[in-house]
């Protein structure tokens, strides 16, 4: 059996374990459960880091390499924020669907990318390096913002009921905390997405001397996401937005980002 088989088996086991540890009771200040939860996130981060080094050295496909790098960034970010914010940890169950989406994209890139490219060339240009990492951070920040926005909707609906399940309400952070998390990470999304587009523009202008290559479907979808986020902040400042309207805009931006980073490449 090849090394890749063992790595894939370990990734599957860690992914399953990650999903299960999300159901541990951490809200009652259970330090052992929190330690298990955080340790699992850190462990799966290092497993993906090992896998990344494997495909990086074997000159795997660029899309698979970048997708794996995104998983590393997502889990390390998830670990650091979970370490310092208990309110963020209370969102953990809402991250499971987003985690499964990333896993799905990773497997689709493995099936849909048969070519082998020299991925080492990806990191030789500083502007391209900034472009890649800012793109991946913008995706991670938008994922966190989307999960927080969903939490606001769930808690709002439960609070409107005459009788409601206290377990659900106690499990998730307050509406105020969820909105705060969502808005803060949406600001970070806008920052990293803007940085990604600017660095990508500079890289293409210096490398290819032809901006027609820069304005592709990925860039157009990324621009639409950035415009939607900017529109969200402008309308929210002048008129205000309901929780449901905010969720729709954030999820729409998340959808465009997914198509921009993965959908177009996978289905090309």
C-alpha atoms as a PDB file:
ATOM      1  CA  UNK A   1       0.000   0.000   0.000  1.00  0.00           C
ATOM      2  CA  UNK A   2       1.239   3.457  -0.922  1.00  0.00           C
ATOM      3  CA  UNK A   3       1.960   6.348   1.446  1.00  0.00           C
ATOM      4  CA  UNK A   4      -0.882   8.277  -0.175  1.00  0.00           C
ATOM      5  CA  UNK A   5      -3.337   5.539   0.873  1.00  0.00           C
ATOM      6  CA  UNK A   6      -2.261   5.803   4.519  1.00  0.00           C
ATOM      7  CA  UNK A   7      -2.494   9.599   4.409  1.00  0.00           C
ATOM      8  CA  UNK A   8      -5.972   9.467   2.865  1.00  0.00           C
ATOM      9  CA  UNK A   9      -7.062   6.924   5.506  1.00  0.00           C
ATOM     10  CA  UNK A  10      -5.700   9.151   8.259  1.00  0.00           C
ATOM     11  CA  UNK A  11      -7.493  12.182   6.781  1.00  0.00           C
ATOM     12  CA  UNK A  12     -10.772  10.249   6.674  1.00  0.00           C
ATOM     13  CA  UNK A  13     -10.363   9.130  10.290  1.00  0.00           C
ATOM     14  CA  UNK A  14      -9.458  12.655  11.458  1.00  0.00           C
ATOM     15  CA  UNK A  15     -12.369  14.180   9.549  1.00  0.00           C
ATOM     16  CA  UNK A  16     -14.810  11.748  11.131  1.00  0.00           C
ATOM     17  CA  UNK A  17     -13.295  12.390  14.546  1.00  0.00           C
ATOM     18  CA  UNK A  18     -13.531  16.153  14.001  1.00  0.00           C
ATOM     19  CA  UNK A  19     -17.262  15.897  13.236  1.00  0.00           C
ATOM     20  CA  UNK A  20     -17.860  13.742  16.333  1.00  0.00           C
ATOM     21  CA  UNK A  21     -15.885  15.996  18.701  1.00  0.00           C
ATOM     22  CA  UNK A  22     -18.077  18.926  17.671  1.00  0.00           C
ATOM     23  CA  UNK A  23     -20.875  17.274  19.652  1.00  0.00           C
ATOM     24  CA  UNK A  24     -18.880  17.258  22.900  1.00  0.00           C
ATOM     25  CA  UNK A  25     -20.265  19.346  25.747  1.00  0.00           C
ATOM     26  CA  UNK A  26     -17.910  22.329  26.045  1.00  0.00           C
ATOM     27  CA  UNK A  27     -20.416  24.947  27.236  1.00  0.00           C
ATOM     28  CA  UNK A  28     -20.363  23.768  30.888  1.00  0.00           C
ATOM     29  CA  UNK A  29     -16.703  24.717  31.195  1.00  0.00           C
ATOM     30  CA  UNK A  30     -15.625  21.116  30.681  1.00  0.00           C
ATOM     31  CA  UNK A  31     -11.874  21.517  30.268  1.00  0.00           C
ATOM     32  CA  UNK A  32     -11.236  17.914  29.249  1.00  0.00           C
ATOM     33  CA  UNK A  33     -13.784  18.071  26.412  1.00  0.00           C
ATOM     34  CA  UNK A  34     -12.427  21.423  25.273  1.00  0.00           C
ATOM     35  CA  UNK A  35      -8.896  20.024  25.294  1.00  0.00           C
ATOM     36  CA  UNK A  36     -10.023  17.034  23.188  1.00  0.00           C
ATOM     37  CA  UNK A  37     -11.835  19.355  20.778  1.00  0.00           C
ATOM     38  CA  UNK A  38      -8.904  21.757  20.340  1.00  0.00           C
ATOM     39  CA  UNK A  39      -6.360  18.926  20.126  1.00  0.00           C
ATOM     40  CA  UNK A  40      -8.361  17.313  17.347  1.00  0.00           C
ATOM     41  CA  UNK A  41      -8.482  20.556  15.336  1.00  0.00           C
ATOM     42  CA  UNK A  42      -4.723  21.006  15.739  1.00  0.00           C
ATOM     43  CA  UNK A  43      -4.066  17.372  14.837  1.00  0.00           C
ATOM     44  CA  UNK A  44      -6.128  17.478  11.641  1.00  0.00           C
ATOM     45  CA  UNK A  45      -4.322  20.717  10.715  1.00  0.00           C
ATOM     46  CA  UNK A  46      -0.967  18.934  10.918  1.00  0.00           C
ATOM     47  CA  UNK A  47      -2.317  15.930   8.991  1.00  0.00           C
ATOM     48  CA  UNK A  48      -3.310  18.233   6.129  1.00  0.00           C
ATOM     49  CA  UNK A  49       0.089  19.918   6.409  1.00  0.00           C
ATOM     50  CA  UNK A  50       1.785  16.528   5.921  1.00  0.00           C
ATOM     51  CA  UNK A  51      -0.489  15.808   2.968  1.00  0.00           C
ATOM     52  CA  UNK A  52       0.291  19.226   1.508  1.00  0.00           C
ATOM     53  CA  UNK A  53       4.029  18.557   1.710  1.00  0.00           C
ATOM     54  CA  UNK A  54       3.474  15.209   0.016  1.00  0.00           C
ATOM     55  CA  UNK A  55       1.645  16.632  -3.018  1.00  0.00           C
ATOM     56  CA  UNK A  56       3.881  19.709  -3.099  1.00  0.00           C
ATOM     57  CA  UNK A  57       7.060  17.624  -3.393  1.00  0.00           C
ATOM     58  CA  UNK A  58       5.460  15.225  -5.876  1.00  0.00           C
ATOM     59  CA  UNK A  59       4.355  18.151  -8.105  1.00  0.00           C
ATOM     60  CA  UNK A  60       0.648  17.463  -7.802  1.00  0.00           C
ATOM     61  CA  UNK A  61      -1.997  19.520  -9.525  1.00  0.00           C
ATOM     62  CA  UNK A  62      -2.136  23.211  -8.642  1.00  0.00           C
ATOM     63  CA  UNK A  63      -5.835  23.106  -7.720  1.00  0.00           C
ATOM     64  CA  UNK A  64      -5.350  20.163  -5.336  1.00  0.00           C
ATOM     65  CA  UNK A  65      -2.371  21.906  -3.737  1.00  0.00           C
ATOM     66  CA  UNK A  66      -4.258  25.172  -3.238  1.00  0.00           C
ATOM     67  CA  UNK A  67      -7.362  23.371  -1.905  1.00  0.00           C
ATOM     68  CA  UNK A  68      -5.228  21.512   0.633  1.00  0.00           C
ATOM     69  CA  UNK A  69      -3.544  24.764   1.596  1.00  0.00           C
ATOM     70  CA  UNK A  70      -6.994  26.280   2.155  1.00  0.00           C
ATOM     71  CA  UNK A  71      -7.900  23.421   4.529  1.00  0.00           C
ATOM     72  CA  UNK A  72      -4.683  24.027   6.474  1.00  0.00           C
ATOM     73  CA  UNK A  73      -5.400  27.752   6.781  1.00  0.00           C
ATOM     74  CA  UNK A  74      -9.045  27.114   7.690  1.00  0.00           C
ATOM     75  CA  UNK A  75      -8.225  24.631  10.476  1.00  0.00           C
ATOM     76  CA  UNK A  76      -5.315  26.609  11.919  1.00  0.00           C
ATOM     77  CA  UNK A  77      -7.500  29.742  11.931  1.00  0.00           C
ATOM     78  CA  UNK A  78     -10.323  27.722  13.467  1.00  0.00           C
ATOM     79  CA  UNK A  79      -7.943  26.467  16.175  1.00  0.00           C
ATOM     80  CA  UNK A  80      -6.510  29.892  17.089  1.00  0.00           C
ATOM     81  CA  UNK A  81      -9.901  31.610  17.297  1.00  0.00           C
ATOM     82  CA  UNK A  82     -11.398  28.680  19.253  1.00  0.00           C
ATOM     83  CA  UNK A  83      -8.507  28.946  21.684  1.00  0.00           C
ATOM     84  CA  UNK A  84      -9.257  32.587  22.542  1.00  0.00           C
ATOM     85  CA  UNK A  85     -13.042  32.871  22.116  1.00  0.00           C
ATOM     86  CA  UNK A  86     -15.611  30.639  23.829  1.00  0.00           C
ATOM     87  CA  UNK A  87     -18.407  32.358  21.879  1.00  0.00           C
ATOM     88  CA  UNK A  88     -16.754  31.295  18.653  1.00  0.00           C
ATOM     89  CA  UNK A  89     -16.492  27.698  19.912  1.00  0.00           C
ATOM     90  CA  UNK A  90     -20.269  27.673  20.418  1.00  0.00           C
ATOM     91  CA  UNK A  91     -20.647  28.037  16.642  1.00  0.00           C
ATOM     92  CA  UNK A  92     -18.828  24.727  16.054  1.00  0.00           C
ATOM     93  CA  UNK A  93     -21.853  22.660  14.932  1.00  0.00           C
ATOM     94  CA  UNK A  94     -22.676  25.221  12.246  1.00  0.00           C
ATOM     95  CA  UNK A  95     -19.210  24.772  10.739  1.00  0.00           C
ATOM     96  CA  UNK A  96     -19.794  21.093   9.950  1.00  0.00           C
ATOM     97  CA  UNK A  97     -21.655  21.736   6.628  1.00  0.00           C
ATOM     98  CA  UNK A  98     -18.961  24.213   5.529  1.00  0.00           C
ATOM     99  CA  UNK A  99     -16.265  21.690   6.444  1.00  0.00           C
ATOM    100  CA  UNK A 100     -18.028  19.025   4.378  1.00  0.00           C
ATOM    101  CA  UNK A 101     -18.148  21.442   1.412  1.00  0.00           C
ATOM    102  CA  UNK A 102     -14.366  21.860   1.619  1.00  0.00           C
ATOM    103  CA  UNK A 103     -13.879  18.097   1.819  1.00  0.00           C
ATOM    104  CA  UNK A 104     -16.131  17.671  -1.222  1.00  0.00           C
ATOM    105  CA  UNK A 105     -14.108  20.212  -3.196  1.00  0.00           C
ATOM    106  CA  UNK A 106     -10.873  18.470  -2.213  1.00  0.00           C
ATOM    107  CA  UNK A 107     -12.104  15.134  -3.558  1.00  0.00           C
ATOM    108  CA  UNK A 108     -13.480  16.753  -6.711  1.00  0.00           C
ATOM    109  CA  UNK A 109     -10.096  18.329  -7.388  1.00  0.00           C
ATOM    110  CA  UNK A 110      -8.474  14.914  -6.981  1.00  0.00           C
ATOM    111  CA  UNK A 111     -10.898  13.407  -9.513  1.00  0.00           C
ATOM    112  CA  UNK A 112     -10.917  16.320 -11.934  1.00  0.00           C
ATOM    113  CA  UNK A 113      -7.216  17.229 -12.001  1.00  0.00           C
ATOM    114  CA  UNK A 114      -5.141  14.665 -13.784  1.00  0.00           C
ATOM    115  CA  UNK A 115      -2.345  16.976 -14.880  1.00  0.00           C
ATOM    116  CA  UNK A 116       0.809  17.421 -12.852  1.00  0.00           C
ATOM    117  CA  UNK A 117       2.179  20.919 -12.586  1.00  0.00           C
ATOM    118  CA  UNK A 118       5.246  22.251 -10.883  1.00  0.00           C
ATOM    119  CA  UNK A 119       3.605  23.735  -7.816  1.00  0.00           C
ATOM    120  CA  UNK A 120       6.950  25.081  -6.609  1.00  0.00           C
ATOM    121  CA  UNK A 121       6.615  27.819  -9.247  1.00  0.00           C
ATOM    122  CA  UNK A 122       3.509  29.090  -7.450  1.00  0.00           C
ATOM    123  CA  UNK A 123       5.593  30.522  -4.621  1.00  0.00           C
ATOM    124  CA  UNK A 124       8.475  32.088  -6.546  1.00  0.00           C
ATOM    125  CA  UNK A 125       6.656  35.372  -7.171  1.00  0.00           C
ATOM    126  CA  UNK A 126       5.891  37.585  -4.161  1.00  0.00           C
ATOM    127  CA  UNK A 127       2.768  39.107  -5.699  1.00  0.00           C
ATOM    128  CA  UNK A 128       1.408  35.668  -6.611  1.00  0.00           C
ATOM    129  CA  UNK A 129       2.182  34.472  -3.092  1.00  0.00           C
ATOM    130  CA  UNK A 130       0.228  37.390  -1.589  1.00  0.00           C
ATOM    131  CA  UNK A 131      -2.590  36.758  -4.068  1.00  0.00           C
ATOM    132  CA  UNK A 132      -2.900  33.058  -3.142  1.00  0.00           C
ATOM    133  CA  UNK A 133      -2.803  33.513   0.626  1.00  0.00           C
ATOM    134  CA  UNK A 134      -5.097  36.557   0.678  1.00  0.00           C
ATOM    135  CA  UNK A 135      -7.590  34.622  -1.485  1.00  0.00           C
ATOM    136  CA  UNK A 136      -7.540  31.662   0.905  1.00  0.00           C
ATOM    137  CA  UNK A 137      -7.857  33.897   3.963  1.00  0.00           C
ATOM    138  CA  UNK A 138     -10.789  35.753   2.383  1.00  0.00           C
ATOM    139  CA  UNK A 139     -12.553  32.417   1.808  1.00  0.00           C
ATOM    140  CA  UNK A 140     -11.921  31.338   5.419  1.00  0.00           C
ATOM    141  CA  UNK A 141     -13.123  34.667   6.829  1.00  0.00           C
ATOM    142  CA  UNK A 142     -16.279  34.584   4.691  1.00  0.00           C
ATOM    143  CA  UNK A 143     -16.995  31.015   5.846  1.00  0.00           C
ATOM    144  CA  UNK A 144     -16.845  32.140   9.488  1.00  0.00           C
ATOM    145  CA  UNK A 145     -19.069  35.125   8.707  1.00  0.00           C
ATOM    146  CA  UNK A 146     -21.636  32.891   6.968  1.00  0.00           C
ATOM    147  CA  UNK A 147     -21.764  30.433   9.888  1.00  0.00           C
ATOM    148  CA  UNK A 148     -22.281  33.328  12.328  1.00  0.00           C
ATOM    149  CA  UNK A 149     -25.069  34.794  10.172  1.00  0.00           C
ATOM    150  CA  UNK A 150     -26.859  31.428  10.132  1.00  0.00           C
ATOM    151  CA  UNK A 151     -26.615  31.369  13.934  1.00  0.00           C
ATOM    152  CA  UNK A 152     -28.385  34.763  14.110  1.00  0.00           C
ATOM    153  CA  UNK A 153     -31.281  33.420  12.016  1.00  0.00           C
ATOM    154  CA  UNK A 154     -31.606  30.218  14.064  1.00  0.00           C
ATOM    155  CA  UNK A 155     -31.641  32.028  17.405  1.00  0.00           C
ATOM    156  CA  UNK A 156     -34.043  34.690  16.132  1.00  0.00           C
ATOM    157  CA  UNK A 157     -36.546  32.051  15.005  1.00  0.00           C
ATOM    158  CA  UNK A 158     -36.328  30.135  18.279  1.00  0.00           C
ATOM    159  CA  UNK A 159     -36.758  33.287  20.383  1.00  0.00           C
ATOM    160  CA  UNK A 160     -39.936  34.194  18.458  1.00  0.00           C
ATOM    161  CA  UNK A 161     -41.596  30.937  19.448  1.00  0.00           C
ATOM    162  CA  UNK A 162     -43.844  30.825  22.486  1.00  0.00           C
ATOM    163  CA  UNK A 163     -42.190  27.616  23.593  1.00  0.00           C
ATOM    164  CA  UNK A 164     -38.633  26.985  22.592  1.00  0.00           C
ATOM    165  CA  UNK A 165     -35.826  24.525  23.193  1.00  0.00           C
ATOM    166  CA  UNK A 166     -33.437  25.915  25.800  1.00  0.00           C
ATOM    167  CA  UNK A 167     -30.795  23.387  24.743  1.00  0.00           C
ATOM    168  CA  UNK A 168     -30.567  24.932  21.278  1.00  0.00           C
ATOM    169  CA  UNK A 169     -30.467  28.471  22.653  1.00  0.00           C
ATOM    170  CA  UNK A 170     -27.809  27.609  25.228  1.00  0.00           C
ATOM    171  CA  UNK A 171     -25.684  25.770  22.704  1.00  0.00           C
ATOM    172  CA  UNK A 172     -25.298  28.724  20.321  1.00  0.00           C
ATOM    173  CA  UNK A 173     -23.856  32.165  21.153  1.00  0.00           C
ATOM    174  CA  UNK A 174     -26.159  35.141  21.670  1.00  0.00           C
ATOM    175  CA  UNK A 175     -27.576  37.056  18.711  1.00  0.00           C
ATOM    176  CA  UNK A 176     -25.404  40.040  19.600  1.00  0.00           C
ATOM    177  CA  UNK A 177     -22.213  37.947  19.772  1.00  0.00           C
ATOM    178  CA  UNK A 178     -23.084  36.147  16.520  1.00  0.00           C
ATOM    179  CA  UNK A 179     -23.725  39.433  14.705  1.00  0.00           C
ATOM    180  CA  UNK A 180     -20.469  40.851  16.068  1.00  0.00           C
ATOM    181  CA  UNK A 181     -18.501  37.832  14.851  1.00  0.00           C
ATOM    182  CA  UNK A 182     -20.224  37.910  11.461  1.00  0.00           C
ATOM    183  CA  UNK A 183     -19.579  41.629  10.864  1.00  0.00           C
ATOM    184  CA  UNK A 184     -15.967  41.542  12.047  1.00  0.00           C
ATOM    185  CA  UNK A 185     -15.071  38.630   9.806  1.00  0.00           C
ATOM    186  CA  UNK A 186     -16.949  40.181   6.909  1.00  0.00           C
ATOM    187  CA  UNK A 187     -14.692  43.230   7.268  1.00  0.00           C
ATOM    188  CA  UNK A 188     -11.696  40.884   7.179  1.00  0.00           C
ATOM    189  CA  UNK A 189     -13.166  39.178   4.110  1.00  0.00           C
ATOM    190  CA  UNK A 190     -13.444  42.512   2.311  1.00  0.00           C
ATOM    191  CA  UNK A 191      -9.854  43.381   3.244  1.00  0.00           C
ATOM    192  CA  UNK A 192      -8.332  40.074   2.106  1.00  0.00           C
ATOM    193  CA  UNK A 193     -10.484  39.899  -1.036  1.00  0.00           C
ATOM    194  CA  UNK A 194      -9.418  43.426  -2.027  1.00  0.00           C
ATOM    195  CA  UNK A 195      -5.780  42.524  -1.340  1.00  0.00           C
ATOM    196  CA  UNK A 196      -6.204  39.368  -3.429  1.00  0.00           C
ATOM    197  CA  UNK A 197      -7.567  41.269  -6.437  1.00  0.00           C
ATOM    198  CA  UNK A 198      -4.942  44.026  -6.235  1.00  0.00           C
ATOM    199  CA  UNK A 199      -2.008  41.602  -5.902  1.00  0.00           C
ATOM    200  CA  UNK A 200      -3.446  39.448  -8.697  1.00  0.00           C
ATOM    201  CA  UNK A 201      -3.755  42.494 -10.930  1.00  0.00           C
ATOM    202  CA  UNK A 202      -0.147  43.550 -10.254  1.00  0.00           C
ATOM    203  CA  UNK A 203       1.126  39.999 -10.845  1.00  0.00           C
ATOM    204  CA  UNK A 204      -0.644  39.666 -14.196  1.00  0.00           C
ATOM    205  CA  UNK A 205       0.373  43.136 -15.360  1.00  0.00           C
ATOM    206  CA  UNK A 206       4.050  42.394 -14.626  1.00  0.00           C
ATOM    207  CA  UNK A 207       4.105  38.756 -15.716  1.00  0.00           C
ATOM    208  CA  UNK A 208       1.939  38.670 -18.832  1.00  0.00           C
ATOM    209  CA  UNK A 209       1.732  42.325 -19.950  1.00  0.00           C
ATOM    210  CA  UNK A 210      -1.821  41.488 -21.023  1.00  0.00           C
ATOM    211  CA  UNK A 211      -4.710  42.268 -18.696  1.00  0.00           C
ATOM    212  CA  UNK A 212      -7.186  40.291 -20.817  1.00  0.00           C
ATOM    213  CA  UNK A 213      -5.928  37.159 -19.060  1.00  0.00           C
ATOM    214  CA  UNK A 214      -6.526  38.746 -15.651  1.00  0.00           C
ATOM    215  CA  UNK A 215     -10.209  39.523 -16.229  1.00  0.00           C
ATOM    216  CA  UNK A 216     -11.379  35.913 -16.299  1.00  0.00           C
ATOM    217  CA  UNK A 217     -14.446  34.274 -14.745  1.00  0.00           C
ATOM    218  CA  UNK A 218     -12.709  33.822 -11.386  1.00  0.00           C
ATOM    219  CA  UNK A 219     -11.885  37.525 -11.089  1.00  0.00           C
ATOM    220  CA  UNK A 220     -15.356  38.596 -12.240  1.00  0.00           C
ATOM    221  CA  UNK A 221     -17.048  36.375  -9.625  1.00  0.00           C
ATOM    222  CA  UNK A 222     -14.631  37.604  -6.947  1.00  0.00           C
ATOM    223  CA  UNK A 223     -15.441  41.204  -7.901  1.00  0.00           C
ATOM    224  CA  UNK A 224     -19.159  40.460  -7.640  1.00  0.00           C
ATOM    225  CA  UNK A 225     -18.591  39.047  -4.141  1.00  0.00           C
ATOM    226  CA  UNK A 226     -16.609  42.130  -3.138  1.00  0.00           C
ATOM    227  CA  UNK A 227     -19.300  44.458  -4.525  1.00  0.00           C
ATOM    228  CA  UNK A 228     -21.995  42.527  -2.633  1.00  0.00           C
ATOM    229  CA  UNK A 229     -20.058  42.836   0.634  1.00  0.00           C
ATOM    230  CA  UNK A 230     -19.438  46.546   0.055  1.00  0.00           C
ATOM    231  CA  UNK A 231     -23.140  46.999  -0.797  1.00  0.00           C
ATOM    232  CA  UNK A 232     -24.009  45.188   2.449  1.00  0.00           C
ATOM    233  CA  UNK A 233     -21.981  47.613   4.571  1.00  0.00           C
ATOM    234  CA  UNK A 234     -23.296  50.710   2.760  1.00  0.00           C
ATOM    235  CA  UNK A 235     -26.970  49.700   3.087  1.00  0.00           C
ATOM    236  CA  UNK A 236     -26.439  48.529   6.670  1.00  0.00           C
ATOM    237  CA  UNK A 237     -24.902  51.902   7.591  1.00  0.00           C
ATOM    238  CA  UNK A 238     -27.568  54.104   5.992  1.00  0.00           C
ATOM    239  CA  UNK A 239     -30.757  52.019   6.236  1.00  0.00           C
ATOM    240  CA  UNK A 240     -30.042  48.933   8.274  1.00  0.00           C
ATOM    241  CA  UNK A 241     -30.707  45.348   7.234  1.00  0.00           C
ATOM    242  CA  UNK A 242     -32.758  42.552   8.741  1.00  0.00           C
ATOM    243  CA  UNK A 243     -30.959  39.396   9.854  1.00  0.00           C
ATOM    244  CA  UNK A 244     -32.510  37.459   6.973  1.00  0.00           C
ATOM    245  CA  UNK A 245     -31.413  40.027   4.369  1.00  0.00           C
ATOM    246  CA  UNK A 246     -27.900  40.030   5.814  1.00  0.00           C
ATOM    247  CA  UNK A 247     -27.779  36.236   5.639  1.00  0.00           C
ATOM    248  CA  UNK A 248     -28.918  36.233   1.994  1.00  0.00           C
ATOM    249  CA  UNK A 249     -26.193  38.689   0.947  1.00  0.00           C
ATOM    250  CA  UNK A 250     -23.470  36.852   2.889  1.00  0.00           C
ATOM    251  CA  UNK A 251     -24.486  33.435   1.543  1.00  0.00           C
ATOM    252  CA  UNK A 252     -24.707  34.827  -1.985  1.00  0.00           C
ATOM    253  CA  UNK A 253     -21.167  36.173  -1.629  1.00  0.00           C
ATOM    254  CA  UNK A 254     -20.082  32.788  -0.272  1.00  0.00           C
ATOM    255  CA  UNK A 255     -21.683  31.061  -3.286  1.00  0.00           C
ATOM    256  CA  UNK A 256     -19.865  33.336  -5.756  1.00  0.00           C
ATOM    257  CA  UNK A 257     -16.559  32.785  -3.957  1.00  0.00           C
ATOM    258  CA  UNK A 258     -17.012  29.008  -4.146  1.00  0.00           C
ATOM    259  CA  UNK A 259     -17.708  29.152  -7.869  1.00  0.00           C
ATOM    260  CA  UNK A 260     -14.800  31.545  -8.380  1.00  0.00           C
ATOM    261  CA  UNK A 261     -12.209  29.464  -6.508  1.00  0.00           C
ATOM    262  CA  UNK A 262     -13.397  25.908  -7.175  1.00  0.00           C
ATOM    263  CA  UNK A 263     -16.498  25.569  -9.351  1.00  0.00           C
ATOM    264  CA  UNK A 264     -15.064  26.975 -12.576  1.00  0.00           C
ATOM    265  CA  UNK A 265     -11.824  24.982 -12.321  1.00  0.00           C
ATOM    266  CA  UNK A 266     -13.502  21.702 -11.377  1.00  0.00           C
ATOM    267  CA  UNK A 267     -16.118  21.769 -14.127  1.00  0.00           C
ATOM    268  CA  UNK A 268     -13.901  23.190 -16.873  1.00  0.00           C
END
